[in-house]
Amino acid sequence: MGEIEGALSQHPDVKETVVVVREDTPGYRRLLAYLVLKQKQVTVEELRCFLKQQLPAHMVPSAFVMLDSLPLTPNGKIDRRALPKPDLSAISREAKAIAPRTPTDELIVAI
């Protein structure tokens, strides 16, 4: 997670970030990035493209959650348990279907 957080922190519009693995649906884990942005608004697609230039595809979070501030524990550390559950409908809208490209792909889709 530290490598992903470090890469996100290098983006000029990102003020703070924390990356976690969430398992809201049993057996289905997601890599999520929680961000506090500076003044300028940045799109999820811009963040995703930025990370793809620095990290392997499997390290790019499946969702980005923008926050006004990160929740903190009484001693000032990031409270990962208090991070909000992501809007799953927004995550599914972000995912784009890819049409089958080979005969094998067509067979798998048919199944």
PDB file of N, CA and C in Angstrom:
ATOM      1  N   MET A   1       0.816  -1.188   0.000  1.00  0.00           N
ATOM      2  CA  MET A   1       0.000   0.000   0.000  1.00  0.00           C
ATOM      3  C   MET A   1       0.863   1.256   0.000  1.00  0.00           C
ATOM      4  N   GLY A   2       1.977   1.187   0.689  1.00  0.00           N
ATOM      5  CA  GLY A   2       2.845   2.349   0.794  1.00  0.00           C
ATOM      6  C   GLY A   2       3.339   2.840  -0.555  1.00  0.00           C
ATOM      7  N   GLU A   3       3.631   1.913  -1.460  1.00  0.00           N
ATOM      8  CA  GLU A   3       4.112   2.306  -2.779  1.00  0.00           C
ATOM      9  C   GLU A   3       3.019   3.039  -3.561  1.00  0.00           C
ATOM     10  N   ILE A   4       1.779   2.576  -3.432  1.00  0.00           N
ATOM     11  CA  ILE A   4       0.655   3.216  -4.116  1.00  0.00           C
ATOM     12  C   ILE A   4       0.399   4.594  -3.514  1.00  0.00           C
ATOM     13  N   GLU A   5       0.405   4.674  -2.190  1.00  0.00           N
ATOM     14  CA  GLU A   5       0.216   5.958  -1.514  1.00  0.00           C
ATOM     15  C   GLU A   5       1.323   6.939  -1.910  1.00  0.00           C
ATOM     16  N   GLY A   6       2.548   6.453  -2.008  1.00  0.00           N
ATOM     17  CA  GLY A   6       3.662   7.303  -2.406  1.00  0.00           C
ATOM     18  C   GLY A   6       3.491   7.841  -3.817  1.00  0.00           C
ATOM     19  N   ALA A   7       3.040   6.981  -4.730  1.00  0.00           N
ATOM     20  CA  ALA A   7       2.822   7.411  -6.112  1.00  0.00           C
ATOM     21  C   ALA A   7       1.693   8.436  -6.181  1.00  0.00           C
ATOM     22  N   LEU A   8       0.607   8.195  -5.462  1.00  0.00           N
ATOM     23  CA  LEU A   8      -0.506   9.151  -5.457  1.00  0.00           C
ATOM     24  C   LEU A   8      -0.091  10.485  -4.847  1.00  0.00           C
ATOM     25  N   SER A   9       0.739  10.447  -3.832  1.00  0.00           N
ATOM     26  CA  SER A   9       1.192  11.671  -3.171  1.00  0.00           C
ATOM     27  C   SER A   9       2.014  12.559  -4.097  1.00  0.00           C
ATOM     28  N   GLN A  10       2.581  11.977  -5.145  1.00  0.00           N
ATOM     29  CA  GLN A  10       3.375  12.746  -6.096  1.00  0.00           C
ATOM     30  C   GLN A  10       2.507  13.541  -7.069  1.00  0.00           C
ATOM     31  N   HIS A  11       1.221  13.215  -7.143  1.00  0.00           N
ATOM     32  CA  HIS A  11       0.333  13.977  -8.036  1.00  0.00           C
ATOM     33  C   HIS A  11       0.191  15.389  -7.465  1.00  0.00           C
ATOM     34  N   PRO A  12       0.301  16.413  -8.309  1.00  0.00           N
ATOM     35  CA  PRO A  12       0.281  17.788  -7.789  1.00  0.00           C
ATOM     36  C   PRO A  12      -1.039  18.223  -7.146  1.00  0.00           C
ATOM     37  N   ASP A  13      -2.146  17.533  -7.435  1.00  0.00           N
ATOM     38  CA  ASP A  13      -3.439  17.927  -6.875  1.00  0.00           C
ATOM     39  C   ASP A  13      -3.848  17.115  -5.657  1.00  0.00           C
ATOM     40  N   VAL A  14      -3.010  16.181  -5.226  1.00  0.00           N
ATOM     41  CA  VAL A  14      -3.330  15.332  -4.075  1.00  0.00           C
ATOM     42  C   VAL A  14      -2.629  15.868  -2.836  1.00  0.00           C
ATOM     43  N   LYS A  15      -3.437  16.140  -1.821  1.00  0.00           N
ATOM     44  CA  LYS A  15      -2.900  16.653  -0.553  1.00  0.00           C
ATOM     45  C   LYS A  15      -2.545  15.504   0.392  1.00  0.00           C
ATOM     46  N   GLU A  16      -3.497  14.575   0.592  1.00  0.00           N
ATOM     47  CA  GLU A  16      -3.289  13.418   1.469  1.00  0.00           C
ATOM     48  C   GLU A  16      -3.942  12.199   0.824  1.00  0.00           C
ATOM     49  N   THR A  17      -3.427  11.028   1.151  1.00  0.00           N
ATOM     50  CA  THR A  17      -4.010   9.806   0.611  1.00  0.00           C
ATOM     51  C   THR A  17      -3.768   8.624   1.546  1.00  0.00           C
ATOM     52  N   VAL A  18      -4.671   7.679   1.485  1.00  0.00           N
ATOM     53  CA  VAL A  18      -4.503   6.401   2.166  1.00  0.00           C
ATOM     54  C   VAL A  18      -5.123   5.340   1.256  1.00  0.00           C
ATOM     55  N   VAL A  19      -4.439   4.213   1.139  1.00  0.00           N
ATOM     56  CA  VAL A  19      -4.908   3.121   0.293  1.00  0.00           C
ATOM     57  C   VAL A  19      -5.159   1.917   1.182  1.00  0.00           C
ATOM     58  N   VAL A  20      -6.315   1.284   0.992  1.00  0.00           N
ATOM     59  CA  VAL A  20      -6.693   0.122   1.806  1.00  0.00           C
ATOM     60  C   VAL A  20      -7.278  -0.958   0.911  1.00  0.00           C
ATOM     61  N   VAL A  21      -7.289  -2.172   1.445  1.00  0.00           N
ATOM     62  CA  VAL A  21      -7.991  -3.279   0.805  1.00  0.00           C
ATOM     63  C   VAL A  21      -9.278  -3.477   1.589  1.00  0.00           C
ATOM     64  N   ARG A  22     -10.422  -3.432   0.892  1.00  0.00           N
ATOM     65  CA  ARG A  22     -11.718  -3.632   1.558  1.00  0.00           C
ATOM     66  C   ARG A  22     -12.368  -4.882   1.014  1.00  0.00           C
ATOM     67  N   GLU A  23     -13.048  -5.583   1.893  1.00  0.00           N
ATOM     68  CA  GLU A  23     -13.796  -6.773   1.507  1.00  0.00           C
ATOM     69  C   GLU A  23     -15.229  -6.573   1.986  1.00  0.00           C
ATOM     70  N   ASP A  24     -15.969  -5.708   1.275  1.00  0.00           N
ATOM     71  CA  ASP A  24     -17.361  -5.438   1.636  1.00  0.00           C
ATOM     72  C   ASP A  24     -18.265  -6.601   1.248  1.00  0.00           C
ATOM     73  N   THR A  25     -17.904  -7.298   0.182  1.00  0.00           N
ATOM     74  CA  THR A  25     -18.609  -8.497  -0.235  1.00  0.00           C
ATOM     75  C   THR A  25     -17.679  -9.668   0.075  1.00  0.00           C
ATOM     76  N   PRO A  26     -18.127 -10.654   0.854  1.00  0.00           N
ATOM     77  CA  PRO A  26     -17.239 -11.767   1.221  1.00  0.00           C
ATOM     78  C   PRO A  26     -16.590 -12.415  -0.008  1.00  0.00           C
ATOM     79  N   GLY A  27     -15.276 -12.536   0.057  1.00  0.00           N
ATOM     80  CA  GLY A  27     -14.524 -13.161  -1.019  1.00  0.00           C
ATOM     81  C   GLY A  27     -14.141 -12.224  -2.157  1.00  0.00           C
ATOM     82  N   TYR A  28     -14.587 -10.981  -2.114  1.00  0.00           N
ATOM     83  CA  TYR A  28     -14.282 -10.028  -3.185  1.00  0.00           C
ATOM     84  C   TYR A  28     -13.580  -8.814  -2.585  1.00  0.00           C
ATOM     85  N   ARG A  29     -12.272  -8.792  -2.723  1.00  0.00           N
ATOM     86  CA  ARG A  29     -11.476  -7.713  -2.144  1.00  0.00           C
ATOM     87  C   ARG A  29     -11.197  -6.650  -3.193  1.00  0.00           C
ATOM     88  N   ARG A  30     -11.247  -5.386  -2.771  1.00  0.00           N
ATOM     89  CA  ARG A  30     -10.992  -4.244  -3.658  1.00  0.00           C
ATOM     90  C   ARG A  30      -9.888  -3.379  -3.075  1.00  0.00           C
ATOM     91  N   LEU A  31      -9.086  -2.862  -3.967  1.00  0.00           N
ATOM     92  CA  LEU A  31      -8.063  -1.905  -3.585  1.00  0.00           C
ATOM     93  C   LEU A  31      -8.671  -0.519  -3.759  1.00  0.00           C
ATOM     94  N   LEU A  32      -8.771   0.235  -2.654  1.00  0.00           N
ATOM     95  CA  LEU A  32      -9.409   1.551  -2.677  1.00  0.00           C
ATOM     96  C   LEU A  32      -8.438   2.636  -2.233  1.00  0.00           C
ATOM     97  N   ALA A  33      -8.545   3.783  -2.896  1.00  0.00           N
ATOM     98  CA  ALA A  33      -7.739   4.938  -2.516  1.00  0.00           C
ATOM     99  C   ALA A  33      -8.670   6.021  -1.986  1.00  0.00           C
ATOM    100  N   TYR A  34      -8.373   6.505  -0.792  1.00  0.00           N
ATOM    101  CA  TYR A  34      -9.098   7.629  -0.204  1.00  0.00           C
ATOM    102  C   TYR A  34      -8.189   8.844  -0.335  1.00  0.00           C
ATOM    103  N   LEU A  35      -8.743   9.951  -0.855  1.00  0.00           N
ATOM    104  CA  LEU A  35      -7.926  11.112  -1.166  1.00  0.00           C
ATOM    105  C   LEU A  35      -8.497  12.397  -0.594  1.00  0.00           C
ATOM    106  N   VAL A  36      -7.610  13.278  -0.196  1.00  0.00           N
ATOM    107  CA  VAL A  36      -7.951  14.669   0.114  1.00  0.00           C
ATOM    108  C   VAL A  36      -7.221  15.477  -0.943  1.00  0.00           C
ATOM    109  N   LEU A  37      -7.984  16.256  -1.707  1.00  0.00           N
ATOM    110  CA  LEU A  37      -7.410  17.019  -2.809  1.00  0.00           C
ATOM    111  C   LEU A  37      -7.077  18.440  -2.387  1.00  0.00           C
ATOM    112  N   LYS A  38      -6.166  19.048  -3.140  1.00  0.00           N
ATOM    113  CA  LYS A  38      -5.874  20.469  -2.954  1.00  0.00           C
ATOM    114  C   LYS A  38      -7.002  21.244  -3.635  1.00  0.00           C
ATOM    115  N   GLN A  39      -6.823  22.497  -3.914  1.00  0.00           N
ATOM    116  CA  GLN A  39      -7.873  23.346  -4.480  1.00  0.00           C
ATOM    117  C   GLN A  39      -8.450  22.806  -5.786  1.00  0.00           C
ATOM    118  N   LYS A  40      -7.603  22.399  -6.693  1.00  0.00           N
ATOM    119  CA  LYS A  40      -8.054  21.979  -8.020  1.00  0.00           C
ATOM    120  C   LYS A  40      -8.751  20.619  -7.966  1.00  0.00           C
ATOM    121  N   GLN A  41      -9.792  20.490  -8.748  1.00  0.00           N
ATOM    122  CA  GLN A  41     -10.481  19.205  -8.853  1.00  0.00           C
ATOM    123  C   GLN A  41      -9.775  18.345  -9.897  1.00  0.00           C
ATOM    124  N   VAL A  42      -9.633  17.089  -9.617  1.00  0.00           N
ATOM    125  CA  VAL A  42      -9.012  16.144 -10.529  1.00  0.00           C
ATOM    126  C   VAL A  42      -9.979  14.984 -10.707  1.00  0.00           C
ATOM    127  N   THR A  43     -10.052  14.447 -11.908  1.00  0.00           N
ATOM    128  CA  THR A  43     -10.985  13.347 -12.169  1.00  0.00           C
ATOM    129  C   THR A  43     -10.340  12.011 -11.802  1.00  0.00           C
ATOM    130  N   VAL A  44     -11.192  11.033 -11.614  1.00  0.00           N
ATOM    131  CA  VAL A  44     -10.727   9.678 -11.311  1.00  0.00           C
ATOM    132  C   VAL A  44      -9.894   9.160 -12.475  1.00  0.00           C
ATOM    133  N   GLU A  45     -10.334   9.451 -13.686  1.00  0.00           N
ATOM    134  CA  GLU A  45      -9.596   8.980 -14.863  1.00  0.00           C
ATOM    135  C   GLU A  45      -8.196   9.590 -14.920  1.00  0.00           C
ATOM    136  N   GLU A  46      -8.061  10.858 -14.551  1.00  0.00           N
ATOM    137  CA  GLU A  46      -6.732  11.490 -14.512  1.00  0.00           C
ATOM    138  C   GLU A  46      -5.835  10.798 -13.481  1.00  0.00           C
ATOM    139  N   LEU A  47      -6.400  10.492 -12.318  1.00  0.00           N
ATOM    140  CA  LEU A  47      -5.626   9.803 -11.284  1.00  0.00           C
ATOM    141  C   LEU A  47      -5.218   8.409 -11.747  1.00  0.00           C
ATOM    142  N   ARG A  48      -6.155   7.717 -12.371  1.00  0.00           N
ATOM    143  CA  ARG A  48      -5.884   6.361 -12.852  1.00  0.00           C
ATOM    144  C   ARG A  48      -4.755   6.393 -13.905  1.00  0.00           C
ATOM    145  N   CYS A  49      -4.824   7.321 -14.847  1.00  0.00           N
ATOM    146  CA  CYS A  49      -3.780   7.439 -15.879  1.00  0.00           C
ATOM    147  C   CYS A  49      -2.430   7.792 -15.254  1.00  0.00           C
ATOM    148  N   PHE A  50      -2.446   8.683 -14.272  1.00  0.00           N
ATOM    149  CA  PHE A  50      -1.227   9.074 -13.574  1.00  0.00           C
ATOM    150  C   PHE A  50      -0.575   7.853 -12.930  1.00  0.00           C
ATOM    151  N   LEU A  51      -1.373   7.028 -12.256  1.00  0.00           N
ATOM    152  CA  LEU A  51      -0.823   5.842 -11.582  1.00  0.00           C
ATOM    153  C   LEU A  51      -0.350   4.792 -12.576  1.00  0.00           C
ATOM    154  N   LYS A  52      -1.047   4.644 -13.691  1.00  0.00           N
ATOM    155  CA  LYS A  52      -0.647   3.641 -14.693  1.00  0.00           C
ATOM    156  C   LYS A  52       0.724   3.940 -15.278  1.00  0.00           C
ATOM    157  N   GLN A  53       1.129   5.203 -15.242  1.00  0.00           N
ATOM    158  CA  GLN A  53       2.455   5.574 -15.744  1.00  0.00           C
ATOM    159  C   GLN A  53       3.558   5.198 -14.753  1.00  0.00           C
ATOM    160  N   GLN A  54       3.182   4.989 -13.486  1.00  0.00           N
ATOM    161  CA  GLN A  54       4.180   4.732 -12.451  1.00  0.00           C
ATOM    162  C   GLN A  54       4.135   3.333 -11.858  1.00  0.00           C
ATOM    163  N   LEU A  55       2.964   2.673 -11.953  1.00  0.00           N
ATOM    164  CA  LEU A  55       2.779   1.386 -11.277  1.00  0.00           C
ATOM    165  C   LEU A  55       2.242   0.340 -12.239  1.00  0.00           C
ATOM    166  N   PRO A  56       2.427  -0.936 -11.916  1.00  0.00           N
ATOM    167  CA  PRO A  56       1.789  -1.984 -12.709  1.00  0.00           C
ATOM    168  C   PRO A  56       0.267  -1.897 -12.578  1.00  0.00           C
ATOM    169  N   ALA A  57      -0.445  -2.373 -13.569  1.00  0.00           N
ATOM    170  CA  ALA A  57      -1.908  -2.261 -13.612  1.00  0.00           C
ATOM    171  C   ALA A  57      -2.584  -2.854 -12.378  1.00  0.00           C
ATOM    172  N   HIS A  58      -2.051  -3.960 -11.846  1.00  0.00           N
ATOM    173  CA  HIS A  58      -2.697  -4.603 -10.700  1.00  0.00           C
ATOM    174  C   HIS A  58      -2.576  -3.769  -9.416  1.00  0.00           C
ATOM    175  N   MET A  59      -1.753  -2.732  -9.443  1.00  0.00           N
ATOM    176  CA  MET A  59      -1.591  -1.888  -8.260  1.00  0.00           C
ATOM    177  C   MET A  59      -2.422  -0.604  -8.330  1.00  0.00           C
ATOM    178  N   VAL A  60      -3.167  -0.424  -9.418  1.00  0.00           N
ATOM    179  CA  VAL A  60      -4.024   0.754  -9.556  1.00  0.00           C
ATOM    180  C   VAL A  60      -5.343   0.454  -8.842  1.00  0.00           C
ATOM    181  N   PRO A  61      -5.737   1.277  -7.872  1.00  0.00           N
ATOM    182  CA  PRO A  61      -6.979   1.023  -7.119  1.00  0.00           C
ATOM    183  C   PRO A  61      -8.200   0.934  -8.032  1.00  0.00           C
ATOM    184  N   SER A  62      -9.164   0.112  -7.628  1.00  0.00           N
ATOM    185  CA  SER A  62     -10.392  -0.033  -8.415  1.00  0.00           C
ATOM    186  C   SER A  62     -11.328   1.144  -8.199  1.00  0.00           C
ATOM    187  N   ALA A  63     -11.143   1.875  -7.106  1.00  0.00           N
ATOM    188  CA  ALA A  63     -12.000   3.032  -6.834  1.00  0.00           C
ATOM    189  C   ALA A  63     -11.226   4.088  -6.074  1.00  0.00           C
ATOM    190  N   PHE A  64     -11.669   5.327  -6.280  1.00  0.00           N
ATOM    191  CA  PHE A  64     -11.078   6.474  -5.606  1.00  0.00           C
ATOM    192  C   PHE A  64     -12.203   7.206  -4.884  1.00  0.00           C
ATOM    193  N   VAL A  65     -12.010   7.451  -3.591  1.00  0.00           N
ATOM    194  CA  VAL A  65     -13.024   8.127  -2.789  1.00  0.00           C
ATOM    195  C   VAL A  65     -12.439   9.467  -2.341  1.00  0.00           C
ATOM    196  N   MET A  66     -13.103  10.545  -2.752  1.00  0.00           N
ATOM    197  CA  MET A  66     -12.634  11.879  -2.392  1.00  0.00           C
ATOM    198  C   MET A  66     -13.248  12.294  -1.051  1.00  0.00           C
ATOM    199  N   LEU A  67     -12.425  12.781  -0.133  1.00  0.00           N
ATOM    200  CA  LEU A  67     -12.874  13.210   1.182  1.00  0.00           C
ATOM    201  C   LEU A  67     -12.410  14.640   1.458  1.00  0.00           C
ATOM    202  N   ASP A  68     -13.121  15.319   2.342  1.00  0.00           N
ATOM    203  CA  ASP A  68     -12.691  16.653   2.773  1.00  0.00           C
ATOM    204  C   ASP A  68     -11.474  16.560   3.692  1.00  0.00           C
ATOM    205  N   SER A  69     -11.440  15.490   4.496  1.00  0.00           N
ATOM    206  CA  SER A  69     -10.298  15.228   5.365  1.00  0.00           C
ATOM    207  C   SER A  69     -10.303  13.751   5.734  1.00  0.00           C
ATOM    208  N   LEU A  70      -9.140  13.234   6.070  1.00  0.00           N
ATOM    209  CA  LEU A  70      -9.046  11.837   6.486  1.00  0.00           C
ATOM    210  C   LEU A  70      -9.407  11.742   7.963  1.00  0.00           C
ATOM    211  N   PRO A  71     -10.156  10.702   8.359  1.00  0.00           N
ATOM    212  CA  PRO A  71     -10.498  10.550   9.780  1.00  0.00           C
ATOM    213  C   PRO A  71      -9.253  10.197  10.590  1.00  0.00           C
ATOM    214  N   LEU A  72      -9.159  10.793  11.768  1.00  0.00           N
ATOM    215  CA  LEU A  72      -7.993  10.574  12.620  1.00  0.00           C
ATOM    216  C   LEU A  72      -8.397   9.972  13.956  1.00  0.00           C
ATOM    217  N   THR A  73      -7.505   9.200  14.527  1.00  0.00           N
ATOM    218  CA  THR A  73      -7.700   8.670  15.872  1.00  0.00           C
ATOM    219  C   THR A  73      -7.376   9.785  16.861  1.00  0.00           C
ATOM    220  N   PRO A  74      -7.702   9.614  18.141  1.00  0.00           N
ATOM    221  CA  PRO A  74      -7.384  10.648  19.142  1.00  0.00           C
ATOM    222  C   PRO A  74      -5.900  11.014  19.197  1.00  0.00           C
ATOM    223  N   ASN A  75      -5.014  10.070  18.827  1.00  0.00           N
ATOM    224  CA  ASN A  75      -3.577  10.393  18.875  1.00  0.00           C
ATOM    225  C   ASN A  75      -3.039  10.879  17.520  1.00  0.00           C
ATOM    226  N   GLY A  76      -3.949  11.214  16.577  1.00  0.00           N
ATOM    227  CA  GLY A  76      -3.545  11.862  15.341  1.00  0.00           C
ATOM    228  C   GLY A  76      -3.176  10.968  14.174  1.00  0.00           C
ATOM    229  N   LYS A  77      -3.329   9.657  14.323  1.00  0.00           N
ATOM    230  CA  LYS A  77      -3.050   8.740  13.213  1.00  0.00           C
ATOM    231  C   LYS A  77      -4.306   8.553  12.381  1.00  0.00           C
ATOM    232  N   ILE A  78      -4.137   8.103  11.132  1.00  0.00           N
ATOM    233  CA  ILE A  78      -5.294   7.869  10.262  1.00  0.00           C
ATOM    234  C   ILE A  78      -6.105   6.701  10.821  1.00  0.00           C
ATOM    235  N   ASP A  79      -7.401   6.927  10.993  1.00  0.00           N
ATOM    236  CA  ASP A  79      -8.317   5.907  11.508  1.00  0.00           C
ATOM    237  C   ASP A  79      -8.898   5.138  10.323  1.00  0.00           C
ATOM    238  N   ARG A  80      -8.236   4.059   9.932  1.00  0.00           N
ATOM    239  CA  ARG A  80      -8.645   3.281   8.758  1.00  0.00           C
ATOM    240  C   ARG A  80     -10.029   2.655   8.938  1.00  0.00           C
ATOM    241  N   ARG A  81     -10.393   2.338  10.168  1.00  0.00           N
ATOM    242  CA  ARG A  81     -11.725   1.752  10.410  1.00  0.00           C
ATOM    243  C   ARG A  81     -12.843   2.758  10.199  1.00  0.00           C
ATOM    244  N   ALA A  82     -12.532   4.043  10.302  1.00  0.00           N
ATOM    245  CA  ALA A  82     -13.548   5.080  10.144  1.00  0.00           C
ATOM    246  C   ALA A  82     -13.683   5.563   8.695  1.00  0.00           C
ATOM    247  N   LEU A  83     -12.885   5.018   7.798  1.00  0.00           N
ATOM    248  CA  LEU A  83     -13.015   5.406   6.393  1.00  0.00           C
ATOM    249  C   LEU A  83     -14.378   4.962   5.873  1.00  0.00           C
ATOM    250  N   PRO A  84     -15.071   5.819   5.138  1.00  0.00           N
ATOM    251  CA  PRO A  84     -16.428   5.464   4.696  1.00  0.00           C
ATOM    252  C   PRO A  84     -16.435   4.349   3.659  1.00  0.00           C
ATOM    253  N   LYS A  85     -17.516   3.597   3.690  1.00  0.00           N
ATOM    254  CA  LYS A  85     -17.716   2.552   2.698  1.00  0.00           C
ATOM    255  C   LYS A  85     -17.950   3.236   1.346  1.00  0.00           C
ATOM    256  N   PRO A  86     -17.297   2.745   0.285  1.00  0.00           N
ATOM    257  CA  PRO A  86     -17.462   3.400  -1.015  1.00  0.00           C
ATOM    258  C   PRO A  86     -18.841   3.145  -1.606  1.00  0.00           C
ATOM    259  N   ASP A  87     -19.250   4.047  -2.491  1.00  0.00           N
ATOM    260  CA  ASP A  87     -20.494   3.893  -3.230  1.00  0.00           C
ATOM    261  C   ASP A  87     -20.260   2.852  -4.315  1.00  0.00           C
ATOM    262  N   LEU A  88     -20.756   1.634  -4.104  1.00  0.00           N
ATOM    263  CA  LEU A  88     -20.501   0.542  -5.037  1.00  0.00           C
ATOM    264  C   LEU A  88     -21.113   0.782  -6.407  1.00  0.00           C
ATOM    265  N   SER A  89     -22.201   1.536  -6.485  1.00  0.00           N
ATOM    266  CA  SER A  89     -22.799   1.820  -7.790  1.00  0.00           C
ATOM    267  C   SER A  89     -21.864   2.698  -8.614  1.00  0.00           C
ATOM    268  N   ALA A  90     -21.143   3.609  -7.966  1.00  0.00           N
ATOM    269  CA  ALA A  90     -20.183   4.453  -8.680  1.00  0.00           C
ATOM    270  C   ALA A  90     -19.012   3.620  -9.184  1.00  0.00           C
ATOM    271  N   ILE A  91     -18.595   2.636  -8.387  1.00  0.00           N
ATOM    272  CA  ILE A  91     -17.495   1.771  -8.806  1.00  0.00           C
ATOM    273  C   ILE A  91     -17.904   0.962 -10.023  1.00  0.00           C
ATOM    274  N   SER A  92     -19.113   0.420 -10.018  1.00  0.00           N
ATOM    275  CA  SER A  92     -19.541  -0.390 -11.153  1.00  0.00           C
ATOM    276  C   SER A  92     -19.716   0.462 -12.401  1.00  0.00           C
ATOM    277  N   ARG A  93     -20.077   1.745 -12.248  1.00  0.00           N
ATOM    278  CA  ARG A  93     -20.181   2.628 -13.418  1.00  0.00           C
ATOM    279  C   ARG A  93     -18.810   2.918 -14.002  1.00  0.00           C
ATOM    280  N   GLU A  94     -17.784   2.909 -13.146  1.00  0.00           N
ATOM    281  CA  GLU A  94     -16.428   3.170 -13.620  1.00  0.00           C
ATOM    282  C   GLU A  94     -15.904   2.017 -14.465  1.00  0.00           C
ATOM    283  N   ALA A  95     -16.318   0.806 -14.136  1.00  0.00           N
ATOM    284  CA  ALA A  95     -15.841  -0.352 -14.875  1.00  0.00           C
ATOM    285  C   ALA A  95     -16.446  -0.353 -16.269  1.00  0.00           C
ATOM    286  N   LYS A  96     -15.610  -0.553 -17.251  1.00  0.00           N
ATOM    287  CA  LYS A  96     -16.076  -0.542 -18.635  1.00  0.00           C
ATOM    288  C   LYS A  96     -15.989  -1.960 -19.186  1.00  0.00           C
ATOM    289  N   ALA A  97     -17.051  -2.405 -19.829  1.00  0.00           N
ATOM    290  CA  ALA A  97     -17.048  -3.720 -20.448  1.00  0.00           C
ATOM    291  C   ALA A  97     -16.181  -3.682 -21.692  1.00  0.00           C
ATOM    292  N   ILE A  98     -15.450  -4.746 -21.911  1.00  0.00           N
ATOM    293  CA  ILE A  98     -14.618  -4.877 -23.104  1.00  0.00           C
ATOM    294  C   ILE A  98     -15.220  -5.987 -23.952  1.00  0.00           C
ATOM    295  N   ALA A  99     -15.464  -5.690 -25.197  1.00  0.00           N
ATOM    296  CA  ALA A  99     -16.049  -6.672 -26.107  1.00  0.00           C
ATOM    297  C   ALA A  99     -15.051  -7.804 -26.362  1.00  0.00           C
ATOM    298  N   PRO A 100     -15.571  -9.017 -26.618  1.00  0.00           N
ATOM    299  CA  PRO A 100     -14.679 -10.142 -26.923  1.00  0.00           C
ATOM    300  C   PRO A 100     -13.826  -9.814 -28.153  1.00  0.00           C
ATOM    301  N   ARG A 101     -12.540 -10.153 -28.073  1.00  0.00           N
ATOM    302  CA  ARG A 101     -11.628  -9.836 -29.166  1.00  0.00           C
ATOM    303  C   ARG A 101     -11.145 -11.054 -29.920  1.00  0.00           C
ATOM    304  N   THR A 102     -11.291 -12.219 -29.330  1.00  0.00           N
ATOM    305  CA  THR A 102     -10.819 -13.445 -29.970  1.00  0.00           C
ATOM    306  C   THR A 102     -11.918 -14.493 -29.908  1.00  0.00           C
ATOM    307  N   PRO A 103     -11.806 -15.541 -30.698  1.00  0.00           N
ATOM    308  CA  PRO A 103     -12.800 -16.627 -30.605  1.00  0.00           C
ATOM    309  C   PRO A 103     -12.873 -17.227 -29.196  1.00  0.00           C
ATOM    310  N   THR A 104     -11.743 -17.297 -28.508  1.00  0.00           N
ATOM    311  CA  THR A 104     -11.745 -17.820 -27.134  1.00  0.00           C
ATOM    312  C   THR A 104     -12.535 -16.896 -26.216  1.00  0.00           C
ATOM    313  N   ASP A 105     -12.350 -15.585 -26.377  1.00  0.00           N
ATOM    314  CA  ASP A 105     -13.131 -14.620 -25.605  1.00  0.00           C
ATOM    315  C   ASP A 105     -14.627 -14.808 -25.840  1.00  0.00           C
ATOM    316  N   GLU A 106     -15.002 -15.036 -27.094  1.00  0.00           N
ATOM    317  CA  GLU A 106     -16.428 -15.220 -27.441  1.00  0.00           C
ATOM    318  C   GLU A 106     -16.986 -16.471 -26.761  1.00  0.00           C
ATOM    319  N   LEU A 107     -16.183 -17.537 -26.715  1.00  0.00           N
ATOM    320  CA  LEU A 107     -16.629 -18.769 -26.037  1.00  0.00           C
ATOM    321  C   LEU A 107     -16.841 -18.532 -24.547  1.00  0.00           C
ATOM    322  N   ILE A 108     -15.924 -17.806 -23.943  1.00  0.00           N
ATOM    323  CA  ILE A 108     -16.038 -17.536 -22.509  1.00  0.00           C
ATOM    324  C   ILE A 108     -17.245 -16.687 -22.220  1.00  0.00           C
ATOM    325  N   VAL A 109     -17.512 -15.668 -23.053  1.00  0.00           N
ATOM    326  CA  VAL A 109     -18.692 -14.828 -22.858  1.00  0.00           C
ATOM    327  C   VAL A 109     -19.966 -15.639 -23.016  1.00  0.00           C
ATOM    328  N   ALA A 110     -19.970 -16.572 -23.943  1.00  0.00           N
ATOM    329  CA  ALA A 110     -21.159 -17.409 -24.173  1.00  0.00           C
ATOM    330  C   ALA A 110     -21.467 -18.283 -22.955  1.00  0.00           C
ATOM    331  N   ILE A 111     -20.441 -18.677 -22.251  1.00  0.00           N
ATOM    332  CA  ILE A 111     -20.645 -19.508 -21.052  1.00  0.00           C
ATOM    333  C   ILE A 111     -21.297 -18.696 -19.986  1.00  0.00           C
TER     334      ILE A 111
END
